[in-house]
Amino acid sequence: MDEVDMVQRDPNDLNAHVKTQFEDIFGEPEGTQSIDCVWRNAFKCFTGGKNCCYKFITIICALPIALCWGCEFAMITFDHVWNLTPAYRSFEIYLTCSKRYFGACVHCICDPCCEAAGLLFSNIKIAKS
């Protein structure tokens, strides 16, 4: 079993859309700015609140949710291995027979017409002027 990367926890960038930093949420335009200590402490409150809340929620919810998603993907895999792939393969086998049957019918009907049209048009001569 592979080890869990404790540094890069989103190597495929699955959740790039939820990367929120203080600067992504708050921005004071030039000329209308709060006192420096308010801005600095607002940053600390935002960052601390976000981190504490996220850690608290993950402590309570992450393991049960991970278990649920593990079961969900196990069921999806089971369904594909034991149901969908064999059904698709069976369908593909039946369609191969149908394809041959309808292909033969089309050739029986279309080939004589196409050959007749080919013979008819092969006798046309275009005169050069």
N, C-alpha and C. Protein backbone atom coordinates (compact mmCIF):
# COMPACT_ATOMS: atom_id res chain seq x y z
N MET A 1 0.85 -1.19 0.00
CA MET A 1 0.00 0.00 0.00
C MET A 1 0.88 1.24 0.00
N ASP A 2 0.49 2.23 -0.77
CA ASP A 2 1.24 3.48 -0.85
C ASP A 2 1.13 4.24 0.46
N GLU A 3 2.17 5.01 0.73
CA GLU A 3 2.15 5.89 1.90
C GLU A 3 1.36 7.15 1.55
N VAL A 4 0.76 7.74 2.55
CA VAL A 4 0.01 8.98 2.36
C VAL A 4 0.99 10.14 2.40
N ASP A 5 0.92 11.01 1.41
CA ASP A 5 1.77 12.19 1.36
C ASP A 5 1.22 13.23 2.33
N MET A 6 1.93 13.46 3.39
CA MET A 6 1.46 14.38 4.43
C MET A 6 1.80 15.84 4.10
N VAL A 7 2.59 16.07 3.06
CA VAL A 7 2.93 17.44 2.68
C VAL A 7 2.02 17.92 1.57
N GLN A 8 2.01 17.19 0.46
CA GLN A 8 1.16 17.55 -0.69
C GLN A 8 -0.11 16.72 -0.60
N ARG A 9 -1.17 17.28 -0.07
CA ARG A 9 -2.39 16.52 0.17
C ARG A 9 -3.41 16.65 -0.95
N ASP A 10 -3.11 17.46 -1.94
CA ASP A 10 -3.98 17.58 -3.12
C ASP A 10 -3.09 17.61 -4.36
N PRO A 11 -2.38 16.50 -4.64
CA PRO A 11 -1.42 16.51 -5.75
C PRO A 11 -2.07 16.68 -7.12
N ASN A 12 -3.34 16.33 -7.25
CA ASN A 12 -4.03 16.47 -8.53
C ASN A 12 -4.83 17.76 -8.63
N ASP A 13 -4.67 18.63 -7.65
CA ASP A 13 -5.34 19.93 -7.62
C ASP A 13 -6.86 19.80 -7.79
N LEU A 14 -7.44 18.83 -7.07
CA LEU A 14 -8.88 18.59 -7.16
C LEU A 14 -9.68 19.74 -6.57
N ASN A 15 -9.12 20.41 -5.58
CA ASN A 15 -9.89 21.43 -4.87
C ASN A 15 -9.28 22.83 -5.00
N ALA A 16 -8.76 23.12 -6.17
CA ALA A 16 -8.18 24.44 -6.41
C ALA A 16 -9.23 25.54 -6.27
N HIS A 17 -10.48 25.20 -6.53
CA HIS A 17 -11.56 26.19 -6.49
C HIS A 17 -11.93 26.63 -5.08
N VAL A 18 -11.46 25.92 -4.05
CA VAL A 18 -11.80 26.32 -2.68
C VAL A 18 -10.60 26.86 -1.91
N LYS A 19 -9.53 27.15 -2.61
CA LYS A 19 -8.37 27.75 -1.95
C LYS A 19 -8.69 29.22 -1.69
N THR A 20 -9.05 29.52 -0.46
CA THR A 20 -9.40 30.91 -0.11
C THR A 20 -8.43 31.43 0.93
N GLN A 21 -7.85 32.52 0.62
CA GLN A 21 -6.97 33.23 1.53
C GLN A 21 -7.65 34.55 1.90
N PHE A 22 -7.13 35.18 2.90
CA PHE A 22 -7.66 36.46 3.36
C PHE A 22 -7.76 37.45 2.20
N GLU A 23 -6.71 37.47 1.38
CA GLU A 23 -6.64 38.43 0.25
C GLU A 23 -7.68 38.12 -0.83
N ASP A 24 -8.16 36.88 -0.88
CA ASP A 24 -9.19 36.52 -1.86
C ASP A 24 -10.57 36.99 -1.43
N ILE A 25 -10.73 37.30 -0.14
CA ILE A 25 -12.02 37.67 0.41
C ILE A 25 -12.11 39.16 0.71
N PHE A 26 -11.06 39.69 1.30
CA PHE A 26 -11.06 41.09 1.72
C PHE A 26 -10.02 41.89 0.97
N GLY A 27 -10.37 43.10 0.63
CA GLY A 27 -9.43 44.01 0.00
C GLY A 27 -9.91 45.44 0.19
N GLU A 28 -9.07 46.24 0.78
CA GLU A 28 -9.43 47.64 0.99
C GLU A 28 -8.81 48.48 -0.13
N PRO A 29 -9.63 49.27 -0.79
CA PRO A 29 -9.09 50.11 -1.86
C PRO A 29 -8.21 51.22 -1.28
N GLU A 30 -7.32 51.69 -2.10
CA GLU A 30 -6.45 52.78 -1.68
C GLU A 30 -7.30 54.01 -1.37
N GLY A 31 -7.01 54.64 -0.29
CA GLY A 31 -7.75 55.82 0.11
C GLY A 31 -8.84 55.53 1.13
N THR A 32 -9.24 54.26 1.24
CA THR A 32 -10.24 53.88 2.24
C THR A 32 -9.71 52.64 2.95
N GLN A 33 -8.90 52.89 3.96
CA GLN A 33 -8.27 51.77 4.65
C GLN A 33 -8.44 51.90 6.15
N SER A 34 -8.56 50.75 6.79
CA SER A 34 -8.70 50.73 8.25
C SER A 34 -7.33 50.93 8.90
N ILE A 35 -7.34 51.04 10.20
CA ILE A 35 -6.09 51.18 10.96
C ILE A 35 -5.31 49.88 10.80
N ASP A 36 -4.00 49.98 10.76
CA ASP A 36 -3.14 48.81 10.53
C ASP A 36 -3.39 47.69 11.52
N CYS A 37 -3.58 48.01 12.79
CA CYS A 37 -3.79 46.95 13.79
C CYS A 37 -5.12 46.24 13.55
N VAL A 38 -6.13 46.95 13.03
CA VAL A 38 -7.42 46.31 12.72
C VAL A 38 -7.23 45.34 11.55
N TRP A 39 -6.54 45.79 10.53
CA TRP A 39 -6.31 44.95 9.34
C TRP A 39 -5.51 43.71 9.71
N ARG A 40 -4.46 43.89 10.48
CA ARG A 40 -3.60 42.79 10.91
C ARG A 40 -4.40 41.79 11.77
N ASN A 41 -5.20 42.29 12.71
CA ASN A 41 -5.98 41.42 13.57
C ASN A 41 -7.16 40.78 12.83
N ALA A 42 -7.71 41.46 11.86
CA ALA A 42 -8.76 40.86 11.03
C ALA A 42 -8.18 39.67 10.27
N PHE A 43 -6.94 39.83 9.78
CA PHE A 43 -6.26 38.73 9.10
C PHE A 43 -6.10 37.54 10.05
N LYS A 44 -5.66 37.80 11.27
CA LYS A 44 -5.45 36.74 12.25
C LYS A 44 -6.78 36.08 12.63
N CYS A 45 -7.83 36.86 12.79
CA CYS A 45 -9.16 36.32 13.12
C CYS A 45 -9.69 35.45 11.99
N PHE A 46 -9.57 35.93 10.77
CA PHE A 46 -10.04 35.18 9.62
C PHE A 46 -9.29 33.86 9.50
N THR A 47 -7.96 33.94 9.50
CA THR A 47 -7.13 32.75 9.33
C THR A 47 -7.32 31.77 10.49
N GLY A 48 -7.28 32.28 11.70
CA GLY A 48 -7.46 31.41 12.87
C GLY A 48 -8.84 30.78 12.91
N GLY A 49 -9.86 31.57 12.64
CA GLY A 49 -11.23 31.05 12.64
C GLY A 49 -11.43 30.00 11.58
N LYS A 50 -10.92 30.27 10.38
CA LYS A 50 -11.05 29.30 9.29
C LYS A 50 -10.32 28.00 9.64
N ASN A 51 -9.10 28.11 10.13
CA ASN A 51 -8.31 26.91 10.46
C ASN A 51 -8.93 26.12 11.62
N CYS A 52 -9.34 26.80 12.68
CA CYS A 52 -9.95 26.11 13.83
C CYS A 52 -11.26 25.44 13.44
N CYS A 53 -12.09 26.15 12.72
CA CYS A 53 -13.38 25.60 12.31
C CYS A 53 -13.17 24.39 11.40
N TYR A 54 -12.25 24.49 10.45
CA TYR A 54 -11.98 23.38 9.52
C TYR A 54 -11.48 22.17 10.29
N LYS A 55 -10.54 22.38 11.21
CA LYS A 55 -9.99 21.26 11.98
C LYS A 55 -11.07 20.64 12.86
N PHE A 56 -11.90 21.43 13.48
CA PHE A 56 -12.97 20.92 14.34
C PHE A 56 -13.95 20.07 13.52
N ILE A 57 -14.36 20.60 12.37
CA ILE A 57 -15.31 19.87 11.51
C ILE A 57 -14.68 18.57 11.02
N THR A 58 -13.39 18.61 10.64
CA THR A 58 -12.75 17.38 10.15
C THR A 58 -12.60 16.35 11.26
N ILE A 59 -12.35 16.80 12.50
CA ILE A 59 -12.26 15.85 13.62
C ILE A 59 -13.58 15.11 13.78
N ILE A 60 -14.67 15.81 13.67
CA ILE A 60 -15.99 15.21 13.87
C ILE A 60 -16.47 14.42 12.64
N CYS A 61 -16.26 14.96 11.46
CA CYS A 61 -16.92 14.41 10.27
C CYS A 61 -16.01 13.63 9.31
N ALA A 62 -14.72 13.88 9.29
CA ALA A 62 -13.87 13.32 8.23
C ALA A 62 -13.85 11.80 8.19
N LEU A 63 -13.71 11.16 9.34
CA LEU A 63 -13.63 9.70 9.33
C LEU A 63 -14.93 9.03 8.89
N PRO A 64 -16.09 9.43 9.41
CA PRO A 64 -17.32 8.81 8.90
C PRO A 64 -17.57 9.09 7.42
N ILE A 65 -17.26 10.31 7.00
CA ILE A 65 -17.47 10.65 5.58
C ILE A 65 -16.50 9.86 4.71
N ALA A 66 -15.24 9.73 5.16
CA ALA A 66 -14.26 8.95 4.39
C ALA A 66 -14.72 7.50 4.28
N LEU A 67 -15.26 6.96 5.37
CA LEU A 67 -15.78 5.59 5.34
C LEU A 67 -16.94 5.48 4.35
N CYS A 68 -17.85 6.44 4.36
CA CYS A 68 -18.98 6.42 3.42
C CYS A 68 -18.51 6.48 1.98
N TRP A 69 -17.56 7.38 1.69
CA TRP A 69 -17.06 7.49 0.32
C TRP A 69 -16.27 6.25 -0.09
N GLY A 70 -15.54 5.67 0.86
CA GLY A 70 -14.84 4.41 0.55
C GLY A 70 -15.83 3.33 0.17
N CYS A 71 -16.92 3.22 0.93
CA CYS A 71 -17.97 2.24 0.62
C CYS A 71 -18.62 2.55 -0.73
N GLU A 72 -18.87 3.82 -0.99
CA GLU A 72 -19.48 4.22 -2.26
C GLU A 72 -18.62 3.80 -3.45
N PHE A 73 -17.32 4.07 -3.37
CA PHE A 73 -16.45 3.71 -4.49
C PHE A 73 -16.23 2.20 -4.56
N ALA A 74 -16.31 1.51 -3.43
CA ALA A 74 -16.27 0.05 -3.46
C ALA A 74 -17.49 -0.49 -4.19
N MET A 75 -18.67 0.09 -3.93
CA MET A 75 -19.90 -0.34 -4.61
C MET A 75 -19.84 -0.03 -6.10
N ILE A 76 -19.28 1.13 -6.44
CA ILE A 76 -19.15 1.46 -7.87
C ILE A 76 -18.24 0.46 -8.55
N THR A 77 -17.10 0.15 -7.92
CA THR A 77 -16.17 -0.83 -8.49
C THR A 77 -16.84 -2.19 -8.61
N PHE A 78 -17.52 -2.62 -7.55
CA PHE A 78 -18.24 -3.89 -7.57
C PHE A 78 -19.24 -3.93 -8.72
N ASP A 79 -20.00 -2.85 -8.89
CA ASP A 79 -21.01 -2.78 -9.94
C ASP A 79 -20.36 -2.89 -11.32
N HIS A 80 -19.24 -2.22 -11.51
CA HIS A 80 -18.56 -2.29 -12.81
C HIS A 80 -17.99 -3.68 -13.07
N VAL A 81 -17.33 -4.25 -12.05
CA VAL A 81 -16.68 -5.55 -12.23
C VAL A 81 -17.70 -6.67 -12.43
N TRP A 82 -18.77 -6.68 -11.63
CA TRP A 82 -19.68 -7.81 -11.63
C TRP A 82 -20.98 -7.58 -12.39
N ASN A 83 -21.25 -6.34 -12.84
CA ASN A 83 -22.52 -6.09 -13.51
C ASN A 83 -22.33 -5.39 -14.86
N LEU A 84 -21.82 -4.17 -14.84
CA LEU A 84 -21.80 -3.36 -16.05
C LEU A 84 -20.86 -3.90 -17.13
N THR A 85 -19.64 -4.27 -16.76
CA THR A 85 -18.70 -4.76 -17.76
C THR A 85 -19.17 -6.07 -18.39
N PRO A 86 -19.63 -7.06 -17.60
CA PRO A 86 -20.17 -8.27 -18.25
C PRO A 86 -21.41 -7.99 -19.11
N ALA A 87 -22.28 -7.10 -18.65
CA ALA A 87 -23.47 -6.77 -19.43
C ALA A 87 -23.08 -6.09 -20.74
N TYR A 88 -22.11 -5.18 -20.66
CA TYR A 88 -21.63 -4.50 -21.87
C TYR A 88 -21.01 -5.50 -22.84
N ARG A 89 -20.22 -6.44 -22.30
CA ARG A 89 -19.57 -7.44 -23.14
C ARG A 89 -20.62 -8.32 -23.82
N SER A 90 -21.65 -8.72 -23.06
CA SER A 90 -22.73 -9.53 -23.62
C SER A 90 -23.45 -8.77 -24.73
N PHE A 91 -23.76 -7.51 -24.47
CA PHE A 91 -24.42 -6.66 -25.45
C PHE A 91 -23.57 -6.54 -26.72
N GLU A 92 -22.26 -6.39 -26.52
CA GLU A 92 -21.33 -6.27 -27.64
C GLU A 92 -21.34 -7.56 -28.48
N ILE A 93 -21.39 -8.72 -27.84
CA ILE A 93 -21.43 -10.00 -28.56
C ILE A 93 -22.71 -10.10 -29.38
N TYR A 94 -23.85 -9.77 -28.77
CA TYR A 94 -25.11 -9.81 -29.51
C TYR A 94 -25.11 -8.84 -30.68
N LEU A 95 -24.56 -7.66 -30.47
CA LEU A 95 -24.54 -6.67 -31.56
C LEU A 95 -23.64 -7.10 -32.70
N THR A 96 -22.59 -7.85 -32.41
CA THR A 96 -21.71 -8.33 -33.47
C THR A 96 -22.49 -9.24 -34.41
N CYS A 97 -23.31 -10.12 -33.86
CA CYS A 97 -24.15 -10.98 -34.70
C CYS A 97 -25.14 -10.16 -35.52
N SER A 98 -25.77 -9.20 -34.88
CA SER A 98 -26.73 -8.34 -35.57
C SER A 98 -26.04 -7.53 -36.66
N LYS A 99 -24.85 -7.07 -36.37
CA LYS A 99 -24.09 -6.28 -37.35
C LYS A 99 -23.83 -7.12 -38.60
N ARG A 100 -23.44 -8.36 -38.42
CA ARG A 100 -23.18 -9.23 -39.57
C ARG A 100 -24.47 -9.48 -40.37
N TYR A 101 -25.56 -9.74 -39.66
CA TYR A 101 -26.84 -10.01 -40.32
C TYR A 101 -27.29 -8.80 -41.14
N PHE A 102 -27.34 -7.62 -40.50
CA PHE A 102 -27.80 -6.43 -41.21
C PHE A 102 -26.81 -5.99 -42.29
N GLY A 103 -25.52 -6.24 -42.05
CA GLY A 103 -24.51 -5.94 -43.08
C GLY A 103 -24.73 -6.78 -44.32
N ALA A 104 -25.05 -8.06 -44.13
CA ALA A 104 -25.32 -8.94 -45.28
C ALA A 104 -26.57 -8.49 -46.02
N CYS A 105 -27.61 -8.10 -45.27
CA CYS A 105 -28.85 -7.60 -45.91
C CYS A 105 -28.58 -6.34 -46.73
N VAL A 106 -27.81 -5.43 -46.17
CA VAL A 106 -27.50 -4.18 -46.88
C VAL A 106 -26.70 -4.48 -48.14
N HIS A 107 -25.73 -5.39 -48.04
CA HIS A 107 -24.94 -5.75 -49.22
C HIS A 107 -25.81 -6.41 -50.29
N CYS A 108 -26.75 -7.25 -49.88
CA CYS A 108 -27.64 -7.92 -50.85
C CYS A 108 -28.51 -6.91 -51.59
N ILE A 109 -28.90 -5.84 -50.90
CA ILE A 109 -29.78 -4.84 -51.52
C ILE A 109 -28.98 -3.77 -52.26
N CYS A 110 -27.95 -3.26 -51.64
CA CYS A 110 -27.24 -2.10 -52.21
C CYS A 110 -26.21 -2.48 -53.27
N ASP A 111 -25.51 -3.62 -53.09
CA ASP A 111 -24.45 -3.97 -54.04
C ASP A 111 -24.94 -4.08 -55.48
N PRO A 112 -26.06 -4.77 -55.75
CA PRO A 112 -26.52 -4.85 -57.15
C PRO A 112 -26.88 -3.47 -57.72
N CYS A 113 -27.50 -2.63 -56.89
CA CYS A 113 -27.85 -1.28 -57.39
C CYS A 113 -26.60 -0.46 -57.67
N CYS A 114 -25.63 -0.55 -56.78
CA CYS A 114 -24.40 0.23 -56.98
C CYS A 114 -23.61 -0.29 -58.18
N GLU A 115 -23.58 -1.61 -58.36
CA GLU A 115 -22.89 -2.18 -59.52
C GLU A 115 -23.58 -1.77 -60.82
N ALA A 116 -24.90 -1.78 -60.84
CA ALA A 116 -25.65 -1.37 -62.03
C ALA A 116 -25.39 0.10 -62.35
N ALA A 117 -25.41 0.94 -61.31
CA ALA A 117 -25.14 2.36 -61.53
C ALA A 117 -23.71 2.56 -62.01
N GLY A 118 -22.78 1.79 -61.49
CA GLY A 118 -21.38 1.90 -61.92
C GLY A 118 -21.21 1.51 -63.37
N LEU A 119 -21.87 0.42 -63.77
CA LEU A 119 -21.80 0.00 -65.17
C LEU A 119 -22.45 1.03 -66.08
N LEU A 120 -23.58 1.59 -65.64
CA LEU A 120 -24.29 2.59 -66.44
C LEU A 120 -23.42 3.82 -66.66
N PHE A 121 -22.82 4.31 -65.57
CA PHE A 121 -22.03 5.55 -65.68
C PHE A 121 -20.64 5.30 -66.24
N SER A 122 -20.16 4.08 -66.27
CA SER A 122 -18.82 3.82 -66.80
C SER A 122 -18.80 3.94 -68.32
N ASN A 123 -19.94 3.86 -68.97
CA ASN A 123 -20.00 3.97 -70.42
C ASN A 123 -20.15 5.39 -70.91
N ILE A 124 -20.23 6.33 -70.00
CA ILE A 124 -20.37 7.74 -70.41
C ILE A 124 -19.00 8.26 -70.83
N LYS A 125 -18.99 8.85 -71.99
CA LYS A 125 -17.76 9.44 -72.53
C LYS A 125 -17.94 10.96 -72.58
N ILE A 126 -16.96 11.68 -72.16
CA ILE A 126 -17.01 13.13 -72.19
C ILE A 126 -16.11 13.58 -73.33
N ALA A 127 -16.72 14.31 -74.23
CA ALA A 127 -15.97 14.76 -75.40
C ALA A 127 -15.19 16.03 -75.04
N LYS A 128 -13.96 16.07 -75.48
CA LYS A 128 -13.14 17.27 -75.26
C LYS A 128 -13.35 18.21 -76.42
N SER A 129 -13.47 19.49 -76.09
CA SER A 129 -13.69 20.43 -77.18
C SER A 129 -12.46 21.20 -77.51
